[in-house]
Amino acid sequence: MELPAIKLDHLNALTDETGILQHAKYSTPKRREGYTTDDNARALIACIKYHTLCAETGTEKLMNLHLSFLLFMQRNDGRFHNLLSYG
């Protein structure tokens, strides 16, 4: 059975210049909800797997964005903050 091509449209729709937003209603991001470390980590993993499987360029920017978010959320003791809100 042939599977359809993998598309990153939804991931791109939920991602802004900070990272992937925590919640959405269908394909509309709920910005009021903010961002979480675990969602951005999963988005990074998905981008890496997509990049590895499809051998396509274009995911580097997304991978860098999600990794940058994780580095920002890491505390000095190595642990992570989980939630980042607009407030």
PDB file of N, CA and C in Angstrom:
ATOM      1  N   MET A   1       0.842  -1.166   0.000  1.00  0.00           N
ATOM      2  CA  MET A   1       0.000   0.000   0.000  1.00  0.00           C
ATOM      3  C   MET A   1       0.897   1.242   0.000  1.00  0.00           C
ATOM      4  N   GLU A   2       0.611   2.145  -0.894  1.00  0.00           N
ATOM      5  CA  GLU A   2       1.382   3.378  -0.975  1.00  0.00           C
ATOM      6  C   GLU A   2       0.728   4.454  -0.115  1.00  0.00           C
ATOM      7  N   LEU A   3       1.520   5.055   0.730  1.00  0.00           N
ATOM      8  CA  LEU A   3       1.022   6.103   1.619  1.00  0.00           C
ATOM      9  C   LEU A   3       1.110   7.463   0.934  1.00  0.00           C
ATOM     10  N   PRO A   4       0.246   8.388   1.328  1.00  0.00           N
ATOM     11  CA  PRO A   4       0.335   9.729   0.736  1.00  0.00           C
ATOM     12  C   PRO A   4       1.614  10.429   1.190  1.00  0.00           C
ATOM     13  N   ALA A   5       2.003  11.420   0.457  1.00  0.00           N
ATOM     14  CA  ALA A   5       3.207  12.183   0.793  1.00  0.00           C
ATOM     15  C   ALA A   5       3.012  12.898   2.132  1.00  0.00           C
ATOM     16  N   ILE A   6       4.088  12.992   2.884  1.00  0.00           N
ATOM     17  CA  ILE A   6       4.046  13.701   4.161  1.00  0.00           C
ATOM     18  C   ILE A   6       4.052  15.194   3.877  1.00  0.00           C
ATOM     19  N   LYS A   7       3.158  15.915   4.538  1.00  0.00           N
ATOM     20  CA  LYS A   7       3.094  17.360   4.381  1.00  0.00           C
ATOM     21  C   LYS A   7       3.240  18.012   5.757  1.00  0.00           C
ATOM     22  N   LEU A   8       3.886  19.147   5.791  1.00  0.00           N
ATOM     23  CA  LEU A   8       4.089  19.874   7.038  1.00  0.00           C
ATOM     24  C   LEU A   8       3.196  21.101   7.142  1.00  0.00           C
ATOM     25  N   ASP A   9       2.114  21.143   6.379  1.00  0.00           N
ATOM     26  CA  ASP A   9       1.229  22.310   6.364  1.00  0.00           C
ATOM     27  C   ASP A   9       0.683  22.649   7.747  1.00  0.00           C
ATOM     28  N   HIS A  10       0.194  21.654   8.452  1.00  0.00           N
ATOM     29  CA  HIS A  10      -0.407  21.904   9.768  1.00  0.00           C
ATOM     30  C   HIS A  10       0.654  22.362  10.760  1.00  0.00           C
ATOM     31  N   LEU A  11       1.809  21.735  10.736  1.00  0.00           N
ATOM     32  CA  LEU A  11       2.905  22.141  11.604  1.00  0.00           C
ATOM     33  C   LEU A  11       3.305  23.588  11.322  1.00  0.00           C
ATOM     34  N   ASN A  12       3.394  23.944  10.063  1.00  0.00           N
ATOM     35  CA  ASN A  12       3.719  25.323   9.696  1.00  0.00           C
ATOM     36  C   ASN A  12       2.636  26.297  10.129  1.00  0.00           C
ATOM     37  N   ALA A  13       1.376  25.894  10.040  1.00  0.00           N
ATOM     38  CA  ALA A  13       0.270  26.779  10.424  1.00  0.00           C
ATOM     39  C   ALA A  13       0.268  27.064  11.921  1.00  0.00           C
ATOM     40  N   LEU A  14       0.721  26.107  12.731  1.00  0.00           N
ATOM     41  CA  LEU A  14       0.720  26.278  14.182  1.00  0.00           C
ATOM     42  C   LEU A  14       2.017  26.873  14.716  1.00  0.00           C
ATOM     43  N   THR A  15       2.977  27.112  13.843  1.00  0.00           N
ATOM     44  CA  THR A  15       4.285  27.623  14.257  1.00  0.00           C
ATOM     45  C   THR A  15       4.418  29.084  13.856  1.00  0.00           C
ATOM     46  N   ASP A  16       4.873  29.891  14.802  1.00  0.00           N
ATOM     47  CA  ASP A  16       5.193  31.287  14.500  1.00  0.00           C
ATOM     48  C   ASP A  16       6.671  31.529  14.764  1.00  0.00           C
ATOM     49  N   GLU A  17       7.081  32.771  14.916  1.00  0.00           N
ATOM     50  CA  GLU A  17       8.508  33.080  15.081  1.00  0.00           C
ATOM     51  C   GLU A  17       9.074  32.649  16.432  1.00  0.00           C
ATOM     52  N   THR A  18       8.213  32.212  17.358  1.00  0.00           N
ATOM     53  CA  THR A  18       8.663  31.751  18.678  1.00  0.00           C
ATOM     54  C   THR A  18       8.749  30.236  18.749  1.00  0.00           C
ATOM     55  N   GLY A  19       7.781  29.555  18.212  1.00  0.00           N
ATOM     56  CA  GLY A  19       7.728  28.096  18.266  1.00  0.00           C
ATOM     57  C   GLY A  19       6.342  27.625  17.881  1.00  0.00           C
ATOM     58  N   ILE A  20       6.037  26.373  18.209  1.00  0.00           N
ATOM     59  CA  ILE A  20       4.707  25.839  17.913  1.00  0.00           C
ATOM     60  C   ILE A  20       3.780  26.178  19.081  1.00  0.00           C
ATOM     61  N   LEU A  21       2.616  26.655  18.751  1.00  0.00           N
ATOM     62  CA  LEU A  21       1.650  27.027  19.782  1.00  0.00           C
ATOM     63  C   LEU A  21       1.026  25.779  20.385  1.00  0.00           C
ATOM     64  N   GLN A  22       0.659  25.907  21.651  1.00  0.00           N
ATOM     65  CA  GLN A  22       0.195  24.761  22.419  1.00  0.00           C
ATOM     66  C   GLN A  22      -1.142  24.204  21.922  1.00  0.00           C
ATOM     67  N   HIS A  23      -2.096  25.053  21.619  1.00  0.00           N
ATOM     68  CA  HIS A  23      -3.427  24.592  21.239  1.00  0.00           C
ATOM     69  C   HIS A  23      -3.911  25.267  19.963  1.00  0.00           C
ATOM     70  N   ALA A  24      -4.866  24.609  19.335  1.00  0.00           N
ATOM     71  CA  ALA A  24      -5.503  25.157  18.143  1.00  0.00           C
ATOM     72  C   ALA A  24      -6.941  24.676  18.104  1.00  0.00           C
ATOM     73  N   LYS A  25      -7.758  25.418  17.393  1.00  0.00           N
ATOM     74  CA  LYS A  25      -9.110  24.960  17.092  1.00  0.00           C
ATOM     75  C   LYS A  25      -9.101  24.665  15.602  1.00  0.00           C
ATOM     76  N   TYR A  26      -9.072  23.380  15.287  1.00  0.00           N
ATOM     77  CA  TYR A  26      -8.877  22.891  13.931  1.00  0.00           C
ATOM     78  C   TYR A  26      -7.521  23.384  13.448  1.00  0.00           C
ATOM     79  N   SER A  27      -7.464  24.254  12.458  1.00  0.00           N
ATOM     80  CA  SER A  27      -6.163  24.724  11.972  1.00  0.00           C
ATOM     81  C   SER A  27      -5.859  26.157  12.402  1.00  0.00           C
ATOM     82  N   THR A  28      -6.666  26.695  13.318  1.00  0.00           N
ATOM     83  CA  THR A  28      -6.452  28.066  13.791  1.00  0.00           C
ATOM     84  C   THR A  28      -5.759  28.031  15.151  1.00  0.00           C
ATOM     85  N   PRO A  29      -4.534  28.567  15.227  1.00  0.00           N
ATOM     86  CA  PRO A  29      -3.811  28.562  16.505  1.00  0.00           C
ATOM     87  C   PRO A  29      -4.528  29.393  17.565  1.00  0.00           C
ATOM     88  N   LYS A  30      -4.525  28.916  18.794  1.00  0.00           N
ATOM     89  CA  LYS A  30      -5.077  29.661  19.929  1.00  0.00           C
ATOM     90  C   LYS A  30      -3.906  30.310  20.661  1.00  0.00           C
ATOM     91  N   ARG A  31      -3.537  31.496  20.214  1.00  0.00           N
ATOM     92  CA  ARG A  31      -2.348  32.174  20.724  1.00  0.00           C
ATOM     93  C   ARG A  31      -2.429  32.453  22.214  1.00  0.00           C
ATOM     94  N   ARG A  32      -3.607  32.631  22.730  1.00  0.00           N
ATOM     95  CA  ARG A  32      -3.800  32.920  24.152  1.00  0.00           C
ATOM     96  C   ARG A  32      -3.255  31.799  25.037  1.00  0.00           C
ATOM     97  N   GLU A  33      -3.189  30.594  24.503  1.00  0.00           N
ATOM     98  CA  GLU A  33      -2.746  29.433  25.271  1.00  0.00           C
ATOM     99  C   GLU A  33      -1.236  29.351  25.419  1.00  0.00           C
ATOM    100  N   GLY A  34      -0.469  30.010  24.550  1.00  0.00           N
ATOM    101  CA  GLY A  34       0.982  30.025  24.654  1.00  0.00           C
ATOM    102  C   GLY A  34       1.651  28.789  24.075  1.00  0.00           C
ATOM    103  N   TYR A  35       2.851  28.503  24.580  1.00  0.00           N
ATOM    104  CA  TYR A  35       3.727  27.458  24.051  1.00  0.00           C
ATOM    105  C   TYR A  35       4.144  26.519  25.171  1.00  0.00           C
ATOM    106  N   THR A  36       4.471  25.287  24.826  1.00  0.00           N
ATOM    107  CA  THR A  36       5.020  24.367  25.820  1.00  0.00           C
ATOM    108  C   THR A  36       6.294  23.718  25.286  1.00  0.00           C
ATOM    109  N   THR A  37       7.155  23.359  26.219  1.00  0.00           N
ATOM    110  CA  THR A  37       8.411  22.714  25.875  1.00  0.00           C
ATOM    111  C   THR A  37       8.164  21.364  25.212  1.00  0.00           C
ATOM    112  N   ASP A  38       7.230  20.585  25.747  1.00  0.00           N
ATOM    113  CA  ASP A  38       7.011  19.247  25.186  1.00  0.00           C
ATOM    114  C   ASP A  38       6.477  19.302  23.759  1.00  0.00           C
ATOM    115  N   ASP A  39       5.604  20.260  23.456  1.00  0.00           N
ATOM    116  CA  ASP A  39       5.099  20.383  22.083  1.00  0.00           C
ATOM    117  C   ASP A  39       6.217  20.773  21.120  1.00  0.00           C
ATOM    118  N   ASN A  40       7.085  21.686  21.542  1.00  0.00           N
ATOM    119  CA  ASN A  40       8.192  22.097  20.689  1.00  0.00           C
ATOM    120  C   ASN A  40       9.218  20.982  20.526  1.00  0.00           C
ATOM    121  N   ALA A  41       9.406  20.162  21.555  1.00  0.00           N
ATOM    122  CA  ALA A  41      10.302  19.014  21.430  1.00  0.00           C
ATOM    123  C   ALA A  41       9.732  18.001  20.431  1.00  0.00           C
ATOM    124  N   ARG A  42       8.427  17.751  20.503  1.00  0.00           N
ATOM    125  CA  ARG A  42       7.797  16.832  19.542  1.00  0.00           C
ATOM    126  C   ARG A  42       7.862  17.395  18.122  1.00  0.00           C
ATOM    127  N   ALA A  43       7.676  18.701  17.975  1.00  0.00           N
ATOM    128  CA  ALA A  43       7.771  19.322  16.649  1.00  0.00           C
ATOM    129  C   ALA A  43       9.189  19.181  16.101  1.00  0.00           C
ATOM    130  N   LEU A  44      10.189  19.342  16.957  1.00  0.00           N
ATOM    131  CA  LEU A  44      11.581  19.166  16.528  1.00  0.00           C
ATOM    132  C   LEU A  44      11.815  17.731  16.070  1.00  0.00           C
ATOM    133  N   ILE A  45      11.326  16.768  16.824  1.00  0.00           N
ATOM    134  CA  ILE A  45      11.481  15.358  16.441  1.00  0.00           C
ATOM    135  C   ILE A  45      10.803  15.085  15.106  1.00  0.00           C
ATOM    136  N   ALA A  46       9.603  15.608  14.914  1.00  0.00           N
ATOM    137  CA  ALA A  46       8.873  15.415  13.651  1.00  0.00           C
ATOM    138  C   ALA A  46       9.642  16.021  12.480  1.00  0.00           C
ATOM    139  N   CYS A  47      10.208  17.200  12.675  1.00  0.00           N
ATOM    140  CA  CYS A  47      10.986  17.847  11.610  1.00  0.00           C
ATOM    141  C   CYS A  47      12.245  17.048  11.272  1.00  0.00           C
ATOM    142  N   ILE A  48      12.917  16.539  12.300  1.00  0.00           N
ATOM    143  CA  ILE A  48      14.126  15.742  12.066  1.00  0.00           C
ATOM    144  C   ILE A  48      13.782  14.469  11.308  1.00  0.00           C
ATOM    145  N   LYS A  49      12.704  13.790  11.714  1.00  0.00           N
ATOM    146  CA  LYS A  49      12.302  12.563  11.020  1.00  0.00           C
ATOM    147  C   LYS A  49      11.900  12.856   9.576  1.00  0.00           C
ATOM    148  N   TYR A  50      11.148  13.953   9.376  1.00  0.00           N
ATOM    149  CA  TYR A  50      10.750  14.336   8.024  1.00  0.00           C
ATOM    150  C   TYR A  50      11.991  14.612   7.174  1.00  0.00           C
ATOM    151  N   HIS A  51      12.922  15.362   7.732  1.00  0.00           N
ATOM    152  CA  HIS A  51      14.148  15.709   7.009  1.00  0.00           C
ATOM    153  C   HIS A  51      14.937  14.447   6.652  1.00  0.00           C
ATOM    154  N   THR A  52      14.984  13.491   7.566  1.00  0.00           N
ATOM    155  CA  THR A  52      15.708  12.244   7.339  1.00  0.00           C
ATOM    156  C   THR A  52      15.012  11.374   6.292  1.00  0.00           C
ATOM    157  N   LEU A  53      13.693  11.243   6.396  1.00  0.00           N
ATOM    158  CA  LEU A  53      12.946  10.388   5.469  1.00  0.00           C
ATOM    159  C   LEU A  53      12.851  10.969   4.064  1.00  0.00           C
ATOM    160  N   CYS A  54      12.597  12.252   3.992  1.00  0.00           N
ATOM    161  CA  CYS A  54      12.325  12.879   2.700  1.00  0.00           C
ATOM    162  C   CYS A  54      13.557  13.483   2.052  1.00  0.00           C
ATOM    163  N   ALA A  55      14.630  13.619   2.815  1.00  0.00           N
ATOM    164  CA  ALA A  55      15.882  14.188   2.307  1.00  0.00           C
ATOM    165  C   ALA A  55      15.633  15.503   1.577  1.00  0.00           C
ATOM    166  N   GLU A  56      14.739  16.283   2.118  1.00  0.00           N
ATOM    167  CA  GLU A  56      14.417  17.576   1.517  1.00  0.00           C
ATOM    168  C   GLU A  56      14.962  18.706   2.368  1.00  0.00           C
ATOM    169  N   THR A  57      15.293  19.777   1.704  1.00  0.00           N
ATOM    170  CA  THR A  57      15.678  20.967   2.440  1.00  0.00           C
ATOM    171  C   THR A  57      14.412  21.760   2.744  1.00  0.00           C
ATOM    172  N   GLY A  58      14.542  22.761   3.552  1.00  0.00           N
ATOM    173  CA  GLY A  58      13.379  23.560   3.922  1.00  0.00           C
ATOM    174  C   GLY A  58      12.957  23.334   5.350  1.00  0.00           C
ATOM    175  N   THR A  59      13.358  22.218   5.929  1.00  0.00           N
ATOM    176  CA  THR A  59      13.008  21.960   7.322  1.00  0.00           C
ATOM    177  C   THR A  59      14.051  22.511   8.282  1.00  0.00           C
ATOM    178  N   GLU A  60      15.192  22.927   7.756  1.00  0.00           N
ATOM    179  CA  GLU A  60      16.260  23.433   8.626  1.00  0.00           C
ATOM    180  C   GLU A  60      15.794  24.618   9.456  1.00  0.00           C
ATOM    181  N   LYS A  61      15.028  25.513   8.849  1.00  0.00           N
ATOM    182  CA  LYS A  61      14.539  26.692   9.569  1.00  0.00           C
ATOM    183  C   LYS A  61      13.620  26.282  10.721  1.00  0.00           C
ATOM    184  N   LEU A  62      12.720  25.332  10.473  1.00  0.00           N
ATOM    185  CA  LEU A  62      11.827  24.844  11.522  1.00  0.00           C
ATOM    186  C   LEU A  62      12.606  24.135  12.623  1.00  0.00           C
ATOM    187  N   MET A  63      13.561  23.302  12.239  1.00  0.00           N
ATOM    188  CA  MET A  63      14.364  22.596  13.246  1.00  0.00           C
ATOM    189  C   MET A  63      15.118  23.594  14.116  1.00  0.00           C
ATOM    190  N   ASN A  64      15.701  24.599  13.509  1.00  0.00           N
ATOM    191  CA  ASN A  64      16.430  25.618  14.244  1.00  0.00           C
ATOM    192  C   ASN A  64      15.503  26.390  15.185  1.00  0.00           C
ATOM    193  N   LEU A  65      14.309  26.702  14.733  1.00  0.00           N
ATOM    194  CA  LEU A  65      13.338  27.435  15.543  1.00  0.00           C
ATOM    195  C   LEU A  65      12.942  26.645  16.791  1.00  0.00           C
ATOM    196  N   HIS A  66      12.619  25.372  16.625  1.00  0.00           N
ATOM    197  CA  HIS A  66      12.192  24.552  17.760  1.00  0.00           C
ATOM    198  C   HIS A  66      13.353  24.272  18.716  1.00  0.00           C
ATOM    199  N   LEU A  67      14.536  24.065  18.180  1.00  0.00           N
ATOM    200  CA  LEU A  67      15.702  23.870  19.035  1.00  0.00           C
ATOM    201  C   LEU A  67      16.017  25.152  19.808  1.00  0.00           C
ATOM    202  N   SER A  68      15.899  26.285  19.156  1.00  0.00           N
ATOM    203  CA  SER A  68      16.122  27.568  19.822  1.00  0.00           C
ATOM    204  C   SER A  68      15.133  27.775  20.966  1.00  0.00           C
ATOM    205  N   PHE A  69      13.877  27.382  20.742  1.00  0.00           N
ATOM    206  CA  PHE A  69      12.867  27.476  21.798  1.00  0.00           C
ATOM    207  C   PHE A  69      13.288  26.630  23.000  1.00  0.00           C
ATOM    208  N   LEU A  70      13.724  25.412  22.739  1.00  0.00           N
ATOM    209  CA  LEU A  70      14.130  24.519  23.835  1.00  0.00           C
ATOM    210  C   LEU A  70      15.327  25.082  24.598  1.00  0.00           C
ATOM    211  N   LEU A  71      16.274  25.638  23.902  1.00  0.00           N
ATOM    212  CA  LEU A  71      17.427  26.239  24.571  1.00  0.00           C
ATOM    213  C   LEU A  71      17.011  27.431  25.427  1.00  0.00           C
ATOM    214  N   PHE A  72      16.058  28.211  24.947  1.00  0.00           N
ATOM    215  CA  PHE A  72      15.550  29.360  25.705  1.00  0.00           C
ATOM    216  C   PHE A  72      14.849  28.894  26.981  1.00  0.00           C
ATOM    217  N   MET A  73      14.147  27.784  26.909  1.00  0.00           N
ATOM    218  CA  MET A  73      13.372  27.291  28.037  1.00  0.00           C
ATOM    219  C   MET A  73      14.216  26.519  29.060  1.00  0.00           C
ATOM    220  N   GLN A  74      15.443  26.186  28.705  1.00  0.00           N
ATOM    221  CA  GLN A  74      16.288  25.442  29.639  1.00  0.00           C
ATOM    222  C   GLN A  74      16.786  26.353  30.757  1.00  0.00           C
ATOM    223  N   ARG A  75      16.637  25.865  31.979  1.00  0.00           N
ATOM    224  CA  ARG A  75      17.082  26.613  33.151  1.00  0.00           C
ATOM    225  C   ARG A  75      18.571  26.381  33.384  1.00  0.00           C
ATOM    226  N   ASN A  76      19.159  27.186  34.245  1.00  0.00           N
ATOM    227  CA  ASN A  76      20.591  27.068  34.538  1.00  0.00           C
ATOM    228  C   ASN A  76      20.969  25.714  35.126  1.00  0.00           C
ATOM    229  N   ASP A  77      20.027  25.076  35.835  1.00  0.00           N
ATOM    230  CA  ASP A  77      20.335  23.772  36.439  1.00  0.00           C
ATOM    231  C   ASP A  77      20.121  22.604  35.461  1.00  0.00           C
ATOM    232  N   GLY A  78      19.793  22.910  34.206  1.00  0.00           N
ATOM    233  CA  GLY A  78      19.619  21.869  33.187  1.00  0.00           C
ATOM    234  C   GLY A  78      18.187  21.439  32.976  1.00  0.00           C
ATOM    235  N   ARG A  79      17.319  21.701  33.958  1.00  0.00           N
ATOM    236  CA  ARG A  79      15.909  21.354  33.789  1.00  0.00           C
ATOM    237  C   ARG A  79      15.245  22.404  32.894  1.00  0.00           C
ATOM    238  N   PHE A  80      13.951  22.189  32.589  1.00  0.00           N
ATOM    239  CA  PHE A  80      13.251  23.064  31.654  1.00  0.00           C
ATOM    240  C   PHE A  80      12.010  23.677  32.285  1.00  0.00           C
ATOM    241  N   HIS A  81      11.748  24.914  31.926  1.00  0.00           N
ATOM    242  CA  HIS A  81      10.427  25.489  32.155  1.00  0.00           C
ATOM    243  C   HIS A  81       9.511  24.816  31.140  1.00  0.00           C
ATOM    244  N   ASN A  82       8.233  24.634  31.457  1.00  0.00           N
ATOM    245  CA  ASN A  82       7.355  23.967  30.503  1.00  0.00           C
ATOM    246  C   ASN A  82       6.467  24.938  29.733  1.00  0.00           C
ATOM    247  N   LEU A  83       5.977  25.973  30.356  1.00  0.00           N
ATOM    248  CA  LEU A  83       4.988  26.845  29.707  1.00  0.00           C
ATOM    249  C   LEU A  83       5.562  28.231  29.470  1.00  0.00           C
ATOM    250  N   LEU A  84       5.339  28.753  28.278  1.00  0.00           N
ATOM    251  CA  LEU A  84       5.698  30.117  27.937  1.00  0.00           C
ATOM    252  C   LEU A  84       4.437  30.785  27.422  1.00  0.00           C
ATOM    253  N   SER A  85       3.989  31.813  28.137  1.00  0.00           N
ATOM    254  CA  SER A  85       2.782  32.532  27.708  1.00  0.00           C
ATOM    255  C   SER A  85       3.179  33.901  27.204  1.00  0.00           C
ATOM    256  N   TYR A  86       2.217  34.607  26.631  1.00  0.00           N
ATOM    257  CA  TYR A  86       2.480  35.965  26.161  1.00  0.00           C
ATOM    258  C   TYR A  86       2.645  36.933  27.335  1.00  0.00           C
ATOM    259  N   GLY A  87       2.094  36.593  28.507  1.00  0.00           N
ATOM    260  CA  GLY A  87       2.171  37.462  29.668  1.00  0.00           C
ATOM    261  C   GLY A  87       3.484  37.324  30.345  1.00  0.00           C
TER     262      GLY A  87
END
